[in-house]
N, C-alpha and C. Protein backbone atom coordinates (compact mmCIF):
# COMPACT_ATOMS: atom_id res chain seq x y z
N MET A 1 -19.03 21.33 -42.68
CA MET A 1 -20.27 20.92 -43.32
C MET A 1 -20.56 21.77 -44.55
N ASP A 2 -20.06 23.00 -44.57
CA ASP A 2 -20.32 23.88 -45.71
C ASP A 2 -19.56 23.47 -46.96
N ASP A 3 -18.40 22.84 -46.79
CA ASP A 3 -17.56 22.51 -47.93
C ASP A 3 -17.68 21.07 -48.39
N SER A 4 -18.36 20.24 -47.65
CA SER A 4 -18.47 18.82 -47.99
C SER A 4 -19.49 18.61 -49.10
N ARG A 5 -19.19 17.64 -49.97
CA ARG A 5 -20.14 17.30 -51.04
C ARG A 5 -21.40 16.69 -50.43
N TYR A 6 -21.22 15.84 -49.42
CA TYR A 6 -22.35 15.22 -48.71
C TYR A 6 -22.22 15.48 -47.22
N ILE A 7 -23.35 15.49 -46.56
CA ILE A 7 -23.38 15.53 -45.10
C ILE A 7 -23.99 14.22 -44.65
N ALA A 8 -23.16 13.37 -44.06
CA ALA A 8 -23.64 12.07 -43.57
C ALA A 8 -24.33 12.29 -42.24
N ILE A 9 -25.51 11.73 -42.13
CA ILE A 9 -26.28 11.81 -40.89
C ILE A 9 -26.49 10.39 -40.41
N LEU A 10 -25.92 10.09 -39.27
CA LEU A 10 -25.99 8.75 -38.71
C LEU A 10 -27.32 8.58 -37.98
N ILE A 11 -28.15 7.69 -38.49
CA ILE A 11 -29.46 7.43 -37.88
C ILE A 11 -29.33 6.18 -37.01
N THR A 12 -29.41 6.39 -35.70
CA THR A 12 -29.33 5.30 -34.74
C THR A 12 -30.65 5.20 -34.00
N GLU A 13 -30.72 4.27 -33.07
CA GLU A 13 -31.93 4.15 -32.25
C GLU A 13 -32.19 5.44 -31.48
N ASN A 14 -31.14 6.15 -31.13
CA ASN A 14 -31.25 7.35 -30.29
C ASN A 14 -31.24 8.66 -31.09
N TYR A 15 -31.37 8.58 -32.38
CA TYR A 15 -31.27 9.77 -33.22
C TYR A 15 -32.17 10.90 -32.74
N ASN A 16 -33.42 10.60 -32.46
CA ASN A 16 -34.38 11.64 -32.06
C ASN A 16 -34.16 12.17 -30.66
N LYS A 17 -33.31 11.51 -29.88
CA LYS A 17 -33.06 11.94 -28.50
C LYS A 17 -31.90 12.92 -28.39
N ILE A 18 -31.14 13.11 -29.47
CA ILE A 18 -29.96 13.97 -29.44
C ILE A 18 -30.29 15.29 -30.13
N VAL A 19 -30.07 16.38 -29.42
CA VAL A 19 -30.50 17.69 -29.89
C VAL A 19 -29.76 18.13 -31.15
N TRP A 20 -28.43 17.98 -31.22
CA TRP A 20 -27.68 18.53 -32.35
C TRP A 20 -27.96 17.80 -33.66
N THR A 21 -28.55 16.63 -33.62
CA THR A 21 -28.84 15.92 -34.87
C THR A 21 -29.86 16.68 -35.72
N LYS A 22 -30.77 17.36 -35.07
CA LYS A 22 -31.76 18.16 -35.80
C LYS A 22 -31.08 19.30 -36.56
N SER A 23 -30.05 19.91 -35.96
CA SER A 23 -29.36 21.00 -36.66
C SER A 23 -28.60 20.46 -37.87
N GLU A 24 -28.03 19.26 -37.77
CA GLU A 24 -27.37 18.64 -38.93
C GLU A 24 -28.38 18.45 -40.05
N TYR A 25 -29.51 17.90 -39.70
CA TYR A 25 -30.56 17.64 -40.68
C TYR A 25 -31.01 18.94 -41.35
N LYS A 26 -31.25 19.98 -40.55
CA LYS A 26 -31.71 21.25 -41.10
C LYS A 26 -30.67 21.88 -42.01
N LYS A 27 -29.42 21.81 -41.61
CA LYS A 27 -28.34 22.38 -42.43
C LYS A 27 -28.23 21.64 -43.76
N ALA A 28 -28.29 20.33 -43.71
CA ALA A 28 -28.21 19.53 -44.93
C ALA A 28 -29.40 19.81 -45.84
N LEU A 29 -30.58 19.88 -45.28
CA LEU A 29 -31.78 20.14 -46.06
C LEU A 29 -31.72 21.53 -46.70
N ALA A 30 -31.24 22.53 -45.96
CA ALA A 30 -31.12 23.88 -46.51
C ALA A 30 -30.14 23.89 -47.69
N ARG A 31 -29.05 23.17 -47.57
CA ARG A 31 -28.09 23.11 -48.68
C ARG A 31 -28.68 22.40 -49.88
N GLU A 32 -29.46 21.35 -49.64
CA GLU A 32 -30.11 20.65 -50.75
C GLU A 32 -31.02 21.60 -51.52
N GLN A 33 -31.81 22.36 -50.78
CA GLN A 33 -32.73 23.30 -51.44
C GLN A 33 -31.97 24.40 -52.17
N LYS A 34 -30.91 24.90 -51.57
CA LYS A 34 -30.11 25.97 -52.17
C LYS A 34 -29.36 25.49 -53.41
N GLU A 35 -28.78 24.29 -53.35
CA GLU A 35 -27.95 23.79 -54.44
C GLU A 35 -28.70 22.93 -55.44
N GLY A 36 -29.93 22.52 -55.11
CA GLY A 36 -30.73 21.72 -56.03
C GLY A 36 -30.16 20.33 -56.29
N ARG A 37 -29.51 19.74 -55.30
CA ARG A 37 -28.94 18.40 -55.44
C ARG A 37 -28.96 17.70 -54.08
N THR A 38 -28.69 16.40 -54.11
CA THR A 38 -28.63 15.63 -52.88
C THR A 38 -27.38 16.01 -52.10
N VAL A 39 -27.56 16.39 -50.86
CA VAL A 39 -26.46 16.73 -49.96
C VAL A 39 -26.51 15.82 -48.74
N MET A 40 -27.72 15.63 -48.21
CA MET A 40 -27.89 14.83 -47.00
C MET A 40 -27.81 13.34 -47.35
N LEU A 41 -26.96 12.64 -46.62
CA LEU A 41 -26.80 11.22 -46.84
C LEU A 41 -27.01 10.48 -45.51
N PRO A 42 -28.24 10.09 -45.24
CA PRO A 42 -28.52 9.35 -44.01
C PRO A 42 -27.94 7.93 -44.07
N LEU A 43 -27.29 7.53 -42.99
CA LEU A 43 -26.74 6.18 -42.83
C LEU A 43 -27.47 5.54 -41.67
N ILE A 44 -28.19 4.46 -41.93
CA ILE A 44 -29.02 3.84 -40.91
C ILE A 44 -28.27 2.64 -40.31
N VAL A 45 -28.13 2.65 -38.99
CA VAL A 45 -27.36 1.61 -38.30
C VAL A 45 -28.15 1.05 -37.12
N ASP A 46 -27.58 0.01 -36.52
CA ASP A 46 -28.13 -0.61 -35.31
C ASP A 46 -29.58 -1.05 -35.52
N GLU A 47 -30.41 -0.76 -34.56
CA GLU A 47 -31.83 -1.14 -34.61
C GLU A 47 -32.71 0.06 -34.95
N ALA A 48 -32.14 1.04 -35.60
CA ALA A 48 -32.86 2.28 -35.91
C ALA A 48 -34.01 2.03 -36.87
N GLU A 49 -35.07 2.76 -36.66
CA GLU A 49 -36.20 2.78 -37.59
C GLU A 49 -35.93 3.87 -38.63
N VAL A 50 -36.43 3.68 -39.84
CA VAL A 50 -36.27 4.71 -40.87
C VAL A 50 -37.21 5.86 -40.51
N PRO A 51 -36.64 7.04 -40.22
CA PRO A 51 -37.50 8.17 -39.83
C PRO A 51 -38.31 8.69 -41.02
N ASP A 52 -39.45 9.28 -40.71
CA ASP A 52 -40.34 9.80 -41.75
C ASP A 52 -39.64 10.78 -42.68
N PHE A 53 -38.76 11.62 -42.13
CA PHE A 53 -38.18 12.69 -42.93
C PHE A 53 -37.23 12.18 -44.02
N ILE A 54 -36.84 10.90 -43.99
CA ILE A 54 -35.94 10.41 -45.05
C ILE A 54 -36.59 9.37 -45.96
N GLU A 55 -37.87 9.08 -45.73
CA GLU A 55 -38.52 8.05 -46.54
C GLU A 55 -38.47 8.35 -48.04
N ASP A 56 -38.47 9.64 -48.41
CA ASP A 56 -38.42 9.98 -49.83
C ASP A 56 -37.02 10.40 -50.27
N LYS A 57 -36.01 10.17 -49.44
CA LYS A 57 -34.63 10.54 -49.73
C LYS A 57 -33.79 9.31 -50.03
N ILE A 58 -32.64 9.54 -50.62
CA ILE A 58 -31.65 8.48 -50.78
C ILE A 58 -31.02 8.25 -49.42
N TYR A 59 -30.96 7.00 -49.00
CA TYR A 59 -30.25 6.69 -47.76
C TYR A 59 -29.58 5.34 -47.90
N ILE A 60 -28.62 5.11 -47.03
CA ILE A 60 -27.88 3.86 -47.06
C ILE A 60 -28.18 3.10 -45.78
N ASP A 61 -28.67 1.90 -45.96
CA ASP A 61 -29.07 1.06 -44.83
C ASP A 61 -27.93 0.07 -44.52
N LEU A 62 -27.27 0.27 -43.40
CA LEU A 62 -26.17 -0.59 -42.99
C LEU A 62 -26.62 -1.70 -42.04
N ARG A 63 -27.92 -1.80 -41.80
CA ARG A 63 -28.42 -2.77 -40.82
C ARG A 63 -28.45 -4.19 -41.36
N ILE A 64 -28.85 -4.36 -42.59
CA ILE A 64 -29.07 -5.70 -43.13
C ILE A 64 -27.78 -6.28 -43.70
N ASN A 65 -27.14 -5.54 -44.60
CA ASN A 65 -25.88 -5.99 -45.19
C ASN A 65 -24.91 -4.83 -45.14
N TYR A 66 -24.09 -4.82 -44.12
CA TYR A 66 -23.15 -3.73 -43.88
C TYR A 66 -22.25 -3.47 -45.09
N PHE A 67 -21.69 -4.52 -45.67
CA PHE A 67 -20.75 -4.35 -46.77
C PHE A 67 -21.42 -3.89 -48.06
N ALA A 68 -22.67 -4.25 -48.27
CA ALA A 68 -23.42 -3.71 -49.40
C ALA A 68 -23.63 -2.21 -49.19
N GLY A 69 -23.92 -1.83 -47.96
CA GLY A 69 -24.09 -0.41 -47.64
C GLY A 69 -22.81 0.37 -47.86
N ILE A 70 -21.68 -0.20 -47.45
CA ILE A 70 -20.39 0.45 -47.66
C ILE A 70 -20.12 0.61 -49.16
N THR A 71 -20.48 -0.40 -49.94
CA THR A 71 -20.30 -0.32 -51.39
C THR A 71 -21.15 0.81 -51.96
N GLN A 72 -22.37 0.94 -51.50
CA GLN A 72 -23.23 2.02 -51.97
C GLN A 72 -22.66 3.38 -51.57
N LEU A 73 -22.11 3.45 -50.37
CA LEU A 73 -21.50 4.70 -49.90
C LEU A 73 -20.32 5.10 -50.78
N VAL A 74 -19.47 4.15 -51.11
CA VAL A 74 -18.35 4.41 -52.02
C VAL A 74 -18.88 4.86 -53.38
N GLY A 75 -19.93 4.19 -53.85
CA GLY A 75 -20.53 4.57 -55.13
C GLY A 75 -21.01 6.00 -55.14
N MET A 76 -21.64 6.42 -54.07
CA MET A 76 -22.11 7.81 -54.00
C MET A 76 -20.93 8.78 -53.92
N ALA A 77 -19.95 8.44 -53.10
CA ALA A 77 -18.81 9.34 -52.92
C ALA A 77 -18.04 9.56 -54.21
N TYR A 78 -18.01 8.55 -55.07
CA TYR A 78 -17.24 8.64 -56.31
C TYR A 78 -18.12 8.76 -57.55
N ASP A 79 -19.40 9.09 -57.35
CA ASP A 79 -20.33 9.30 -58.47
C ASP A 79 -20.38 8.12 -59.43
N LEU A 80 -20.36 6.91 -58.89
CA LEU A 80 -20.51 5.72 -59.73
C LEU A 80 -21.98 5.54 -60.04
N TRP A 81 -22.27 5.00 -61.18
CA TRP A 81 -23.66 4.80 -61.56
C TRP A 81 -24.37 3.91 -60.56
N LYS A 82 -25.51 4.37 -60.09
CA LYS A 82 -26.31 3.58 -59.14
C LYS A 82 -26.72 2.25 -59.74
N PHE A 83 -27.05 2.27 -61.04
CA PHE A 83 -27.47 1.03 -61.70
C PHE A 83 -26.35 0.00 -61.68
N ARG A 84 -25.12 0.44 -61.98
CA ARG A 84 -23.99 -0.49 -61.99
C ARG A 84 -23.74 -1.06 -60.60
N ILE A 85 -23.84 -0.22 -59.59
CA ILE A 85 -23.63 -0.69 -58.21
C ILE A 85 -24.72 -1.69 -57.84
N SER A 86 -25.98 -1.34 -58.09
CA SER A 86 -27.07 -2.23 -57.68
C SER A 86 -27.02 -3.55 -58.45
N ARG A 87 -26.67 -3.49 -59.73
CA ARG A 87 -26.56 -4.73 -60.51
C ARG A 87 -25.41 -5.59 -59.99
N ALA A 88 -24.27 -4.97 -59.71
CA ALA A 88 -23.12 -5.71 -59.19
C ALA A 88 -23.45 -6.30 -57.81
N LEU A 89 -24.19 -5.56 -57.01
CA LEU A 89 -24.56 -6.08 -55.68
C LEU A 89 -25.46 -7.31 -55.80
N SER A 90 -26.30 -7.34 -56.83
CA SER A 90 -27.17 -8.51 -56.99
C SER A 90 -26.38 -9.74 -57.46
N ASP A 91 -25.19 -9.51 -58.02
CA ASP A 91 -24.36 -10.61 -58.52
C ASP A 91 -23.27 -11.06 -57.55
N HIS A 92 -23.04 -10.31 -56.48
CA HIS A 92 -21.96 -10.61 -55.55
C HIS A 92 -22.48 -10.78 -54.12
N LYS A 93 -21.91 -11.71 -53.41
CA LYS A 93 -22.18 -11.85 -51.98
C LYS A 93 -21.02 -11.19 -51.24
N LEU A 94 -21.32 -10.19 -50.44
CA LEU A 94 -20.27 -9.43 -49.77
C LEU A 94 -20.17 -9.84 -48.30
N GLU A 95 -18.99 -10.28 -47.93
CA GLU A 95 -18.76 -10.69 -46.54
C GLU A 95 -17.58 -9.98 -45.91
N GLY A 96 -16.94 -9.09 -46.63
CA GLY A 96 -15.78 -8.40 -46.08
C GLY A 96 -15.28 -7.31 -47.01
N VAL A 97 -14.24 -6.62 -46.55
CA VAL A 97 -13.67 -5.52 -47.31
C VAL A 97 -13.12 -6.00 -48.65
N ARG A 98 -12.52 -7.17 -48.67
CA ARG A 98 -11.99 -7.72 -49.93
C ARG A 98 -13.11 -7.89 -50.95
N ASP A 99 -14.27 -8.35 -50.50
CA ASP A 99 -15.41 -8.52 -51.42
C ASP A 99 -15.86 -7.18 -51.99
N VAL A 100 -15.85 -6.14 -51.14
CA VAL A 100 -16.21 -4.80 -51.60
C VAL A 100 -15.23 -4.35 -52.67
N ARG A 101 -13.94 -4.52 -52.40
CA ARG A 101 -12.91 -4.15 -53.37
C ARG A 101 -13.09 -4.90 -54.68
N ASP A 102 -13.33 -6.21 -54.60
CA ASP A 102 -13.51 -7.01 -55.81
C ASP A 102 -14.72 -6.55 -56.61
N LEU A 103 -15.80 -6.25 -55.92
CA LEU A 103 -17.00 -5.77 -56.61
C LEU A 103 -16.72 -4.45 -57.31
N LEU A 104 -16.06 -3.53 -56.62
CA LEU A 104 -15.75 -2.24 -57.23
C LEU A 104 -14.84 -2.40 -58.44
N GLN A 105 -13.88 -3.31 -58.34
CA GLN A 105 -13.01 -3.55 -59.49
C GLN A 105 -13.80 -4.17 -60.65
N SER A 106 -14.81 -4.97 -60.33
CA SER A 106 -15.59 -5.62 -61.39
C SER A 106 -16.39 -4.61 -62.22
N ILE A 107 -16.61 -3.42 -61.67
CA ILE A 107 -17.31 -2.37 -62.43
C ILE A 107 -16.33 -1.28 -62.87
N SER A 108 -15.04 -1.67 -62.91
CA SER A 108 -13.97 -0.79 -63.42
C SER A 108 -13.67 0.40 -62.51
N PHE A 109 -13.83 0.23 -61.23
CA PHE A 109 -13.44 1.26 -60.28
C PHE A 109 -12.28 0.72 -59.46
N GLU A 110 -11.20 1.47 -59.40
CA GLU A 110 -10.03 1.06 -58.63
C GLU A 110 -9.97 1.85 -57.33
N PRO A 111 -10.24 1.19 -56.21
CA PRO A 111 -10.12 1.88 -54.92
C PRO A 111 -8.67 2.25 -54.66
N TYR A 112 -8.46 3.24 -53.83
CA TYR A 112 -7.10 3.65 -53.51
C TYR A 112 -6.95 3.93 -52.03
N ILE A 113 -5.69 4.08 -51.60
CA ILE A 113 -5.37 4.34 -50.20
C ILE A 113 -4.81 5.75 -50.12
N VAL A 114 -5.20 6.52 -49.10
CA VAL A 114 -4.63 7.83 -48.85
C VAL A 114 -3.54 7.66 -47.81
N LEU A 115 -2.34 8.16 -48.14
CA LEU A 115 -1.18 8.01 -47.26
C LEU A 115 -0.59 9.38 -46.93
N GLY A 116 0.14 9.41 -45.82
CA GLY A 116 0.93 10.59 -45.50
C GLY A 116 2.15 10.65 -46.40
N LYS A 117 2.74 11.83 -46.52
CA LYS A 117 3.90 12.03 -47.40
C LYS A 117 5.05 11.11 -47.03
N ASP A 118 5.32 10.94 -45.75
CA ASP A 118 6.45 10.09 -45.35
C ASP A 118 6.25 8.65 -45.81
N ASP A 119 5.06 8.10 -45.64
CA ASP A 119 4.79 6.74 -46.11
C ASP A 119 4.81 6.67 -47.63
N PHE A 120 4.27 7.69 -48.28
CA PHE A 120 4.25 7.71 -49.74
C PHE A 120 5.68 7.71 -50.29
N ASP A 121 6.56 8.52 -49.68
CA ASP A 121 7.95 8.57 -50.12
C ASP A 121 8.65 7.22 -49.94
N LYS A 122 8.35 6.54 -48.84
CA LYS A 122 8.95 5.22 -48.60
C LYS A 122 8.48 4.21 -49.65
N ILE A 123 7.23 4.29 -50.00
CA ILE A 123 6.69 3.38 -51.02
C ILE A 123 7.36 3.65 -52.37
N LEU A 124 7.59 4.93 -52.68
CA LEU A 124 8.23 5.28 -53.94
C LEU A 124 9.65 4.70 -54.03
N GLU A 125 10.30 4.54 -52.89
CA GLU A 125 11.64 3.95 -52.87
C GLU A 125 11.64 2.48 -53.28
N ASN A 126 10.47 1.87 -53.35
CA ASN A 126 10.36 0.45 -53.66
C ASN A 126 9.97 0.17 -55.10
N GLY A 127 10.29 1.08 -56.00
CA GLY A 127 10.04 0.84 -57.42
C GLY A 127 8.59 0.94 -57.83
N VAL A 128 7.82 1.71 -57.10
CA VAL A 128 6.41 1.91 -57.41
C VAL A 128 6.29 2.84 -58.62
N GLN A 129 5.28 2.60 -59.45
CA GLN A 129 5.06 3.42 -60.64
C GLN A 129 4.35 4.71 -60.26
N LEU A 130 5.03 5.84 -60.42
CA LEU A 130 4.46 7.15 -60.12
C LEU A 130 3.61 7.60 -61.30
N ILE A 131 2.32 7.85 -61.06
CA ILE A 131 1.40 8.29 -62.11
C ILE A 131 1.35 9.82 -62.17
N ARG A 132 1.22 10.44 -61.01
CA ARG A 132 1.27 11.90 -60.83
C ARG A 132 2.14 12.16 -59.60
N ASP A 133 2.35 13.41 -59.28
CA ASP A 133 3.15 13.72 -58.10
C ASP A 133 2.55 13.16 -56.81
N ASP A 134 1.24 12.99 -56.81
CA ASP A 134 0.57 12.53 -55.59
C ASP A 134 -0.21 11.23 -55.80
N TYR A 135 0.13 10.47 -56.82
CA TYR A 135 -0.63 9.27 -57.14
C TYR A 135 0.31 8.22 -57.72
N ALA A 136 0.27 7.01 -57.16
CA ALA A 136 1.16 5.94 -57.62
C ALA A 136 0.38 4.64 -57.75
N ARG A 137 0.88 3.77 -58.61
CA ARG A 137 0.31 2.43 -58.78
C ARG A 137 1.34 1.44 -58.24
N PHE A 138 0.88 0.46 -57.46
CA PHE A 138 1.82 -0.47 -56.84
C PHE A 138 1.19 -1.84 -56.68
N TYR A 139 2.02 -2.80 -56.35
CA TYR A 139 1.57 -4.16 -56.09
C TYR A 139 1.69 -4.43 -54.59
N PRO A 140 0.57 -4.59 -53.93
CA PRO A 140 0.58 -4.75 -52.47
C PRO A 140 1.50 -5.85 -51.97
N ASP A 141 1.53 -6.99 -52.66
CA ASP A 141 2.37 -8.11 -52.19
C ASP A 141 3.84 -7.71 -52.09
N GLU A 142 4.31 -6.92 -53.05
CA GLU A 142 5.72 -6.49 -53.03
C GLU A 142 5.98 -5.55 -51.86
N LEU A 143 5.04 -4.64 -51.61
CA LEU A 143 5.24 -3.70 -50.52
C LEU A 143 5.19 -4.39 -49.16
N LEU A 144 4.38 -5.43 -49.04
CA LEU A 144 4.31 -6.16 -47.77
C LEU A 144 5.64 -6.84 -47.44
N GLN A 145 6.44 -7.14 -48.44
CA GLN A 145 7.74 -7.79 -48.23
C GLN A 145 8.86 -6.78 -47.94
N SER A 146 8.59 -5.50 -48.17
CA SER A 146 9.63 -4.48 -48.03
C SER A 146 9.93 -4.19 -46.56
N SER A 147 11.20 -3.97 -46.27
CA SER A 147 11.60 -3.65 -44.89
C SER A 147 11.48 -2.16 -44.59
N VAL A 148 11.32 -1.29 -45.62
CA VAL A 148 11.25 0.15 -45.37
C VAL A 148 9.81 0.68 -45.29
N VAL A 149 8.84 -0.13 -45.66
CA VAL A 149 7.44 0.31 -45.61
C VAL A 149 6.94 0.17 -44.17
N SER A 150 6.26 1.20 -43.69
CA SER A 150 5.82 1.23 -42.29
C SER A 150 4.79 0.15 -41.99
N SER A 151 4.70 -0.20 -40.72
CA SER A 151 3.71 -1.20 -40.30
C SER A 151 2.30 -0.67 -40.52
N TYR A 152 2.11 0.66 -40.42
CA TYR A 152 0.81 1.27 -40.68
C TYR A 152 0.37 1.00 -42.12
N VAL A 153 1.26 1.24 -43.07
CA VAL A 153 0.93 1.02 -44.48
C VAL A 153 0.69 -0.46 -44.72
N LYS A 154 1.51 -1.30 -44.13
CA LYS A 154 1.32 -2.74 -44.30
C LYS A 154 -0.04 -3.18 -43.75
N SER A 155 -0.45 -2.58 -42.65
CA SER A 155 -1.76 -2.89 -42.08
C SER A 155 -2.88 -2.48 -43.04
N LEU A 156 -2.76 -1.28 -43.64
CA LEU A 156 -3.75 -0.84 -44.63
C LEU A 156 -3.81 -1.79 -45.81
N LEU A 157 -2.65 -2.20 -46.27
CA LEU A 157 -2.60 -3.12 -47.41
C LEU A 157 -3.25 -4.44 -47.08
N ARG A 158 -2.97 -4.96 -45.89
CA ARG A 158 -3.60 -6.25 -45.49
C ARG A 158 -5.10 -6.12 -45.43
N ASP A 159 -5.60 -4.98 -44.93
CA ASP A 159 -7.05 -4.76 -44.87
C ASP A 159 -7.66 -4.77 -46.26
N LEU A 160 -6.96 -4.18 -47.22
CA LEU A 160 -7.48 -4.15 -48.58
C LEU A 160 -7.42 -5.51 -49.25
N MET A 161 -6.43 -6.29 -48.86
CA MET A 161 -6.25 -7.60 -49.49
C MET A 161 -7.12 -8.63 -48.82
């Protein structure tokens, strides 16, 4: 929690009934005051009510439109302009991960996949364009046809597509 840019606090129906959630909140709040920036990122799920302590904070509501909330979460994690995200959300109907990806691409953000070295090396064997030692650009359709790419990577690619 000390090294993370944000501390996500999951607000559920039972949030107030769990003792350690208060320590998460206090730690995040102390870091916000010390660093002078937003650290605590409440994520509201299920049938949870918005607690008083976050009414004046930035939070992401996953109850009404889960995929819009995920888009906002990605926006915060990658410091994308809130205005661009909110404007894009008003122009797009999100019903799945593909819609989230398309929306992010529409505002010039390219999502990426984090892979283990073994999978990354296998992908490189398939003519993928290496941008840096740890970053490559590829075409998912081509990798899905490859016999050397792991089923795990293929599953990730299908989820993104």
